[in-house]
C-alpha atoms as a PDB file:
ATOM      1  CA  MET A   1     -12.742 -18.711  33.557  1.00  0.00           C
ATOM      2  CA  ASN A   2     -11.014 -19.800  30.328  1.00  0.00           C
ATOM      3  CA  LEU A   3      -9.350 -23.379  30.684  1.00  0.00           C
ATOM      4  CA  SER A   4      -6.231 -21.859  29.798  1.00  0.00           C
ATOM      5  CA  PHE A   5      -4.946 -17.967  29.723  1.00  0.00           C
ATOM      6  CA  PHE A   6      -3.897 -18.770  26.161  1.00  0.00           C
ATOM      7  CA  ASP A   7      -7.482 -19.390  24.958  1.00  0.00           C
ATOM      8  CA  GLN A   8      -8.016 -15.804  24.705  1.00  0.00           C
ATOM      9  CA  PHE A   9      -5.540 -15.458  21.584  1.00  0.00           C
ATOM     10  CA  MET A  10      -7.388 -18.482  19.736  1.00  0.00           C
ATOM     11  CA  SER A  11      -9.079 -17.018  16.439  1.00  0.00           C
ATOM     12  CA  PRO A  12     -12.869 -16.913  17.089  1.00  0.00           C
ATOM     13  CA  THR A  13     -15.043 -18.973  14.602  1.00  0.00           C
ATOM     14  CA  MET A  14     -18.740 -19.072  13.988  1.00  0.00           C
ATOM     15  CA  LEU A  15     -20.230 -22.216  12.151  1.00  0.00           C
ATOM     16  CA  GLY A  16     -16.758 -22.966  11.283  1.00  0.00           C
ATOM     17  CA  ILE A  17     -15.769 -19.727   9.689  1.00  0.00           C
ATOM     18  CA  PRO A  18     -12.880 -17.735  11.014  1.00  0.00           C
ATOM     19  CA  LEU A  19     -13.787 -14.275  12.296  1.00  0.00           C
ATOM     20  CA  ILE A  20     -10.503 -12.749  12.153  1.00  0.00           C
ATOM     21  CA  LEU A  21     -11.438 -11.213   8.703  1.00  0.00           C
ATOM     22  CA  LEU A  22     -14.266  -9.443  10.382  1.00  0.00           C
ATOM     23  CA  ALA A  23     -12.038  -8.225  13.125  1.00  0.00           C
ATOM     24  CA  MET A  24      -9.590  -6.775  10.424  1.00  0.00           C
ATOM     25  CA  THR A  25     -12.459  -5.130   8.897  1.00  0.00           C
ATOM     26  CA  ILE A  26     -14.171  -3.239  11.827  1.00  0.00           C
ATOM     27  CA  PRO A  27     -11.115  -0.796  12.098  1.00  0.00           C
ATOM     28  CA  TRP A  28     -11.802   0.637   8.913  1.00  0.00           C
ATOM     29  CA  LEU A  29     -15.469   1.460   9.531  1.00  0.00           C
ATOM     30  CA  LEU A  30     -14.605   3.627  12.552  1.00  0.00           C
ATOM     31  CA  TYR A  31     -12.698   6.349  10.765  1.00  0.00           C
ATOM     32  CA  VAL A  32     -14.519   9.419   9.020  1.00  0.00           C
ATOM     33  CA  SER A  33     -14.066   9.727   5.299  1.00  0.00           C
ATOM     34  CA  PRO A  34     -12.921  13.177   4.453  1.00  0.00           C
ATOM     35  CA  THR A  35     -15.383  15.433   2.408  1.00  0.00           C
ATOM     36  CA  ASP A  36     -14.913  18.144  -0.091  1.00  0.00           C
ATOM     37  CA  ARG A  37     -16.541  20.529   1.945  1.00  0.00           C
ATOM     38  CA  TRP A  38     -14.583  23.664   3.492  1.00  0.00           C
ATOM     39  CA  LEU A  39     -15.497  23.085   7.074  1.00  0.00           C
ATOM     40  CA  ASN A  40     -15.375  19.711   8.380  1.00  0.00           C
ATOM     41  CA  ASN A  41     -16.427  18.303  11.825  1.00  0.00           C
ATOM     42  CA  ARG A  42     -13.904  18.214  14.820  1.00  0.00           C
ATOM     43  CA  LEU A  43     -13.341  14.483  14.478  1.00  0.00           C
ATOM     44  CA  THR A  44     -12.405  14.649  10.644  1.00  0.00           C
ATOM     45  CA  THR A  45     -10.195  17.707  11.233  1.00  0.00           C
ATOM     46  CA  LEU A  46      -8.404  16.034  14.196  1.00  0.00           C
ATOM     47  CA  GLN A  47      -8.023  12.744  12.052  1.00  0.00           C
ATOM     48  CA  THR A  48      -6.502  14.694   9.097  1.00  0.00           C
ATOM     49  CA  TRP A  49      -4.161  16.728  11.401  1.00  0.00           C
ATOM     50  CA  PHE A  50      -2.751  13.377  12.973  1.00  0.00           C
ATOM     51  CA  LEU A  51      -2.056  11.798   9.815  1.00  0.00           C
ATOM     52  CA  ALA A  52      -0.550  14.775   8.267  1.00  0.00           C
ATOM     53  CA  THR A  53       1.789  15.198  11.268  1.00  0.00           C
ATOM     54  CA  PHE A  54       2.723  11.607  11.421  1.00  0.00           C
ATOM     55  CA  THR A  55       3.364  11.349   7.782  1.00  0.00           C
ATOM     56  CA  LYS A  56       5.517  14.528   7.835  1.00  0.00           C
ATOM     57  CA  GLN A  57       7.783  13.151  10.606  1.00  0.00           C
ATOM     58  CA  LEU A  58       7.793   9.550   8.935  1.00  0.00           C
ATOM     59  CA  MET A  59       8.905  10.803   5.463  1.00  0.00           C
ATOM     60  CA  LEU A  60      11.335  13.577   6.832  1.00  0.00           C
ATOM     61  CA  PRO A  61      14.480  11.199   6.656  1.00  0.00           C
ATOM     62  CA  LEU A  62      13.544   9.861   3.349  1.00  0.00           C
ATOM     63  CA  ASN A  63      14.230  11.140  -0.338  1.00  0.00           C
ATOM     64  CA  ILE A  64      11.536  12.132  -2.835  1.00  0.00           C
ATOM     65  CA  LYS A  65      11.378   8.496  -4.183  1.00  0.00           C
ATOM     66  CA  GLY A  66      10.691   7.138  -0.660  1.00  0.00           C
ATOM     67  CA  HIS A  67       7.668   9.551  -0.262  1.00  0.00           C
ATOM     68  CA  LYS A  68       5.420   7.239  -2.616  1.00  0.00           C
ATOM     69  CA  TRP A  69       5.398   4.968   0.479  1.00  0.00           C
ATOM     70  CA  ALA A  70       3.416   7.602   2.340  1.00  0.00           C
ATOM     71  CA  LEU A  71       0.008   6.390   2.027  1.00  0.00           C
ATOM     72  CA  SER A  72       0.856   2.742   2.434  1.00  0.00           C
ATOM     73  CA  LEU A  73       2.975   3.485   5.556  1.00  0.00           C
ATOM     74  CA  SER A  74       0.271   5.788   7.181  1.00  0.00           C
ATOM     75  CA  SER A  75      -2.571   3.308   6.405  1.00  0.00           C
ATOM     76  CA  LEU A  76      -0.456   0.562   7.899  1.00  0.00           C
ATOM     77  CA  MET A  77       0.031   2.437  11.203  1.00  0.00           C
ATOM     78  CA  VAL A  78      -3.611   3.437  11.554  1.00  0.00           C
ATOM     79  CA  PHE A  79      -4.765  -0.218  11.064  1.00  0.00           C
ATOM     80  CA  LEU A  80      -2.115  -1.622  13.636  1.00  0.00           C
ATOM     81  CA  ILE A  81      -3.321   1.059  15.909  1.00  0.00           C
ATOM     82  CA  THR A  82      -6.711   0.320  15.792  1.00  0.00           C
ATOM     83  CA  MET A  83      -6.355  -3.200  15.964  1.00  0.00           C
ATOM     84  CA  ASN A  84      -4.179  -3.114  18.989  1.00  0.00           C
ATOM     85  CA  LEU A  85      -6.334  -0.630  21.078  1.00  0.00           C
ATOM     86  CA  LEU A  86      -9.680  -2.409  20.083  1.00  0.00           C
ATOM     87  CA  GLY A  87      -8.112  -5.638  21.452  1.00  0.00           C
ATOM     88  CA  LEU A  88      -7.832  -4.039  24.691  1.00  0.00           C
ATOM     89  CA  LEU A  89     -11.689  -4.056  25.075  1.00  0.00           C
ATOM     90  CA  PRO A  90     -13.695  -6.701  26.985  1.00  0.00           C
ATOM     91  CA  TYR A  91     -14.921  -9.523  24.868  1.00  0.00           C
ATOM     92  CA  THR A  92     -12.799  -8.754  21.987  1.00  0.00           C
ATOM     93  CA  PHE A  93     -10.098 -10.540  19.817  1.00  0.00           C
ATOM     94  CA  THR A  94      -6.738  -8.889  18.856  1.00  0.00           C
ATOM     95  CA  PRO A  95      -5.625 -10.074  15.429  1.00  0.00           C
ATOM     96  CA  THR A  96      -2.247  -8.748  15.931  1.00  0.00           C
ATOM     97  CA  THR A  97      -1.322 -11.391  18.447  1.00  0.00           C
ATOM     98  CA  GLN A  98      -1.448 -13.794  15.778  1.00  0.00           C
ATOM     99  CA  LEU A  99       2.119 -14.371  14.444  1.00  0.00           C
ATOM    100  CA  SER A 100       0.774 -15.418  11.111  1.00  0.00           C
ATOM    101  CA  LEU A 101      -1.062 -12.147  10.407  1.00  0.00           C
ATOM    102  CA  ASN A 102       2.065  -9.983  11.644  1.00  0.00           C
ATOM    103  CA  LEU A 103       4.402 -12.045   9.273  1.00  0.00           C
ATOM    104  CA  GLY A 104       1.972 -11.527   6.533  1.00  0.00           C
ATOM    105  CA  LEU A 105       2.193  -7.938   6.967  1.00  0.00           C
ATOM    106  CA  ALA A 106       6.015  -7.661   7.551  1.00  0.00           C
ATOM    107  CA  VAL A 107       7.314 -10.102   4.959  1.00  0.00           C
ATOM    108  CA  PRO A 108       5.785  -8.290   1.629  1.00  0.00           C
ATOM    109  CA  PHE A 109       6.739  -4.755   3.113  1.00  0.00           C
ATOM    110  CA  TRP A 110      10.053  -5.970   3.900  1.00  0.00           C
ATOM    111  CA  LEU A 111      10.544  -7.664   0.465  1.00  0.00           C
ATOM    112  CA  ALA A 112       9.243  -4.736  -1.266  1.00  0.00           C
ATOM    113  CA  THR A 113      11.863  -2.686   0.257  1.00  0.00           C
ATOM    114  CA  VAL A 114      14.677  -5.098  -0.667  1.00  0.00           C
ATOM    115  CA  LEU A 115      13.454  -5.344  -4.443  1.00  0.00           C
ATOM    116  CA  ILE A 116      13.268  -1.766  -4.702  1.00  0.00           C
ATOM    117  CA  GLY A 117      16.907  -1.521  -3.589  1.00  0.00           C
ATOM    118  CA  LEU A 118      18.080  -4.235  -5.821  1.00  0.00           C
ATOM    119  CA  ARG A 119      16.213  -2.616  -8.919  1.00  0.00           C
ATOM    120  CA  ASN A 120      17.112   0.987  -8.221  1.00  0.00           C
ATOM    121  CA  GLN A 121      20.770   0.643  -6.762  1.00  0.00           C
ATOM    122  CA  PRO A 122      21.701  -2.765  -6.925  1.00  0.00           C
ATOM    123  CA  THR A 123      25.542  -2.112  -6.121  1.00  0.00           C
ATOM    124  CA  ALA A 124      24.605  -0.069  -2.901  1.00  0.00           C
ATOM    125  CA  ALA A 125      22.041  -2.714  -1.687  1.00  0.00           C
ATOM    126  CA  LEU A 126      24.631  -5.557  -2.173  1.00  0.00           C
ATOM    127  CA  GLY A 127      27.092  -3.388  -0.645  1.00  0.00           C
ATOM    128  CA  HIS A 128      25.512  -3.397   2.674  1.00  0.00           C
ATOM    129  CA  LEU A 129      26.248  -7.127   2.955  1.00  0.00           C
ATOM    130  CA  LEU A 130      29.886  -6.175   3.277  1.00  0.00           C
ATOM    131  CA  PRO A 131      31.027  -3.211   5.288  1.00  0.00           C
ATOM    132  CA  GLU A 132      33.787  -1.234   4.011  1.00  0.00           C
ATOM    133  CA  GLY A 133      37.323  -1.938   5.157  1.00  0.00           C
ATOM    134  CA  THR A 134      36.654  -5.487   5.960  1.00  0.00           C
ATOM    135  CA  PRO A 135      39.759  -7.801   6.237  1.00  0.00           C
ATOM    136  CA  THR A 136      39.889 -10.525   3.528  1.00  0.00           C
ATOM    137  CA  LEU A 137      39.702 -13.323   5.790  1.00  0.00           C
ATOM    138  CA  LEU A 138      36.532 -12.081   7.403  1.00  0.00           C
ATOM    139  CA  ILE A 139      34.644 -11.258   4.142  1.00  0.00           C
ATOM    140  CA  PRO A 140      32.964 -14.720   3.821  1.00  0.00           C
ATOM    141  CA  ILE A 141      31.715 -14.838   7.372  1.00  0.00           C
ATOM    142  CA  LEU A 142      30.489 -11.371   7.144  1.00  0.00           C
ATOM    143  CA  ILE A 143      28.481 -11.756   4.165  1.00  0.00           C
ATOM    144  CA  ILE A 144      26.918 -14.964   5.543  1.00  0.00           C
ATOM    145  CA  ILE A 145      26.097 -12.894   8.901  1.00  0.00           C
ATOM    146  CA  GLU A 146      24.718  -9.918   7.184  1.00  0.00           C
ATOM    147  CA  THR A 147      22.498 -12.120   4.917  1.00  0.00           C
ATOM    148  CA  ILE A 148      21.116 -13.925   7.965  1.00  0.00           C
ATOM    149  CA  SER A 149      20.474 -10.692   9.569  1.00  0.00           C
ATOM    150  CA  LEU A 150      18.907  -9.393   6.479  1.00  0.00           C
ATOM    151  CA  PHE A 151      16.429 -12.315   6.389  1.00  0.00           C
ATOM    152  CA  ILE A 152      15.712 -12.294  10.023  1.00  0.00           C
ATOM    153  CA  ARG A 153      14.234  -8.643   9.885  1.00  0.00           C
ATOM    154  CA  PRO A 154      10.775  -9.660   8.923  1.00  0.00           C
ATOM    155  CA  LEU A 155      10.630 -12.373  11.527  1.00  0.00           C
ATOM    156  CA  ALA A 156      11.883  -9.846  14.152  1.00  0.00           C
ATOM    157  CA  LEU A 157       9.294  -7.325  13.055  1.00  0.00           C
ATOM    158  CA  GLY A 158       6.433  -9.863  13.451  1.00  0.00           C
ATOM    159  CA  VAL A 159       7.600 -11.576  16.719  1.00  0.00           C
ATOM    160  CA  ARG A 160       8.178  -8.147  18.199  1.00  0.00           C
ATOM    161  CA  LEU A 161       4.536  -7.056  17.807  1.00  0.00           C
ATOM    162  CA  THR A 162       3.298 -10.536  18.696  1.00  0.00           C
ATOM    163  CA  ALA A 163       5.382 -10.709  21.964  1.00  0.00           C
ATOM    164  CA  ASN A 164       4.507  -7.340  23.298  1.00  0.00           C
ATOM    165  CA  LEU A 165       0.972  -7.721  22.698  1.00  0.00           C
ATOM    166  CA  THR A 166       0.682 -11.164  23.991  1.00  0.00           C
ATOM    167  CA  ALA A 167       2.683 -10.270  27.065  1.00  0.00           C
ATOM    168  CA  GLY A 168       0.464  -7.469  27.840  1.00  0.00           C
ATOM    169  CA  HIS A 169      -2.781  -9.303  27.448  1.00  0.00           C
ATOM    170  CA  LEU A 170      -1.646 -12.172  29.528  1.00  0.00           C
ATOM    171  CA  LEU A 171      -0.523  -9.750  32.381  1.00  0.00           C
ATOM    172  CA  ILE A 172      -3.840  -8.178  32.273  1.00  0.00           C
ATOM    173  CA  GLN A 173      -5.630 -11.418  32.686  1.00  0.00           C
ATOM    174  CA  LEU A 174      -3.466 -12.573  35.420  1.00  0.00           C
ATOM    175  CA  ILE A 175      -3.772  -9.570  37.500  1.00  0.00           C
ATOM    176  CA  SER A 176      -7.543  -9.278  37.000  1.00  0.00           C
ATOM    177  CA  THR A 177      -7.940 -13.009  38.002  1.00  0.00           C
ATOM    178  CA  ALA A 178      -5.905 -12.260  41.074  1.00  0.00           C
ATOM    179  CA  VAL A 179      -8.298  -9.336  41.852  1.00  0.00           C
ATOM    180  CA  PHE A 180     -11.439 -11.683  41.741  1.00  0.00           C
ATOM    181  CA  VAL A 181      -9.759 -14.277  44.020  1.00  0.00           C
ATOM    182  CA  LEU A 182      -8.524 -11.668  46.600  1.00  0.00           C
ATOM    183  CA  MET A 183     -11.642  -9.756  46.716  1.00  0.00           C
ATOM    184  CA  PRO A 184     -13.562 -11.927  49.099  1.00  0.00           C
ATOM    185  CA  MET A 185     -10.592 -12.913  51.129  1.00  0.00           C
ATOM    186  CA  MET A 186      -8.338  -9.698  51.394  1.00  0.00           C
ATOM    187  CA  PRO A 187     -10.216  -6.619  50.146  1.00  0.00           C
ATOM    188  CA  THR A 188      -7.440  -4.263  50.785  1.00  0.00           C
ATOM    189  CA  THR A 189      -4.942  -6.265  48.780  1.00  0.00           C
ATOM    190  CA  ALA A 190      -7.623  -6.583  46.045  1.00  0.00           C
ATOM    191  CA  ILE A 191      -7.890  -2.819  45.857  1.00  0.00           C
ATOM    192  CA  ILE A 192      -4.262  -2.347  45.662  1.00  0.00           C
ATOM    193  CA  THR A 193      -4.316  -4.955  42.930  1.00  0.00           C
ATOM    194  CA  ALA A 194      -6.972  -3.414  41.035  1.00  0.00           C
ATOM    195  CA  ILE A 195      -5.077  -0.036  41.057  1.00  0.00           C
ATOM    196  CA  VAL A 196      -2.058  -1.951  39.632  1.00  0.00           C
ATOM    197  CA  LEU A 197      -4.525  -3.292  37.051  1.00  0.00           C
ATOM    198  CA  PHE A 198      -5.677   0.174  35.885  1.00  0.00           C
ATOM    199  CA  LEU A 199      -1.964   1.587  35.701  1.00  0.00           C
ATOM    200  CA  LEU A 200      -1.115  -1.603  33.665  1.00  0.00           C
ATOM    201  CA  THR A 201      -3.999  -0.855  31.210  1.00  0.00           C
ATOM    202  CA  LEU A 202      -2.900   2.667  30.835  1.00  0.00           C
ATOM    203  CA  LEU A 203       0.446   1.259  30.013  1.00  0.00           C
ATOM    204  CA  GLU A 204      -0.896  -1.330  27.422  1.00  0.00           C
ATOM    205  CA  ILE A 205      -2.684   1.345  25.774  1.00  0.00           C
ATOM    206  CA  ALA A 206       0.656   3.301  25.343  1.00  0.00           C
ATOM    207  CA  VAL A 207       2.412  -0.085  24.259  1.00  0.00           C
ATOM    208  CA  ALA A 208      -0.479  -0.874  21.700  1.00  0.00           C
ATOM    209  CA  MET A 209       0.315   2.635  20.004  1.00  0.00           C
ATOM    210  CA  ILE A 210       4.047   2.258  20.257  1.00  0.00           C
ATOM    211  CA  GLN A 211       4.433  -1.054  18.908  1.00  0.00           C
ATOM    212  CA  ALA A 212       2.401  -0.003  15.861  1.00  0.00           C
ATOM    213  CA  TYR A 213       4.653   3.075  15.331  1.00  0.00           C
ATOM    214  CA  VAL A 214       7.970   1.126  15.765  1.00  0.00           C
ATOM    215  CA  PHE A 215       6.679  -1.420  13.108  1.00  0.00           C
ATOM    216  CA  VAL A 216       6.140   1.260  10.737  1.00  0.00           C
ATOM    217  CA  LEU A 217       9.178   2.990  11.631  1.00  0.00           C
ATOM    218  CA  LEU A 218      11.482   0.016  11.189  1.00  0.00           C
ATOM    219  CA  LEU A 219       9.866  -0.548   7.791  1.00  0.00           C
ATOM    220  CA  SER A 220      10.676   3.159   6.853  1.00  0.00           C
ATOM    221  CA  LEU A 221      14.351   2.812   7.981  1.00  0.00           C
ATOM    222  CA  TYR A 222      14.576  -0.303   5.780  1.00  0.00           C
ATOM    223  CA  LEU A 223      13.212   1.652   2.977  1.00  0.00           C
ATOM    224  CA  GLN A 224      15.630   4.392   3.605  1.00  0.00           C
ATOM    225  CA  GLU A 225      18.500   1.938   3.036  1.00  0.00           C
ATOM    226  CA  ASN A 226      17.226   0.929  -0.202  1.00  0.00           C
ATOM    227  CA  THR A 227      16.194   4.267  -1.829  1.00  0.00           C
END
């Protein structure tokens, strides 16, 4: 057993070289590249249908200018979903449990949406800092609050993804440890705990997909405000 439950979140290294880059590269090797043939196999057809359906739902609230982000946001969601799901396999490492990686994804995308808003519609972008009809005495306070909330957005994106995945992995490890400890002493209790562990694993699979979708959905909402 690990010396600490949090040791599973340490980035693995080999000969002093971090393997997080390898863990981030492997997801892209699992997807089939579309071909120019009329008839593709079932896996490619399913993959294309999923991406088309997701892109349609994600881009529906956005205007034509925001549709330029379709490829970036779809690729980001596929990337996050794959890394989250692969991290649930035994003896694997989940890069999205690292706050540095999540912030490295959240900050550039958030900053790009803000810069697009300032470039295309600076008046409307700055108008979000002050709601219409605000009393004169509250104007300075509200501007400060709205500015702070604007800069907290990327931090909230990264922390939300990190916290949900970290909590799920910790729960799985705690309950699986309890199963091994209870098995020789109380087999019935251990079996019930194993069933709970199985249900929790199913829940974590759903959480891994939902959190990736929420991450990209919030980015699309930020983009919607600035286009």
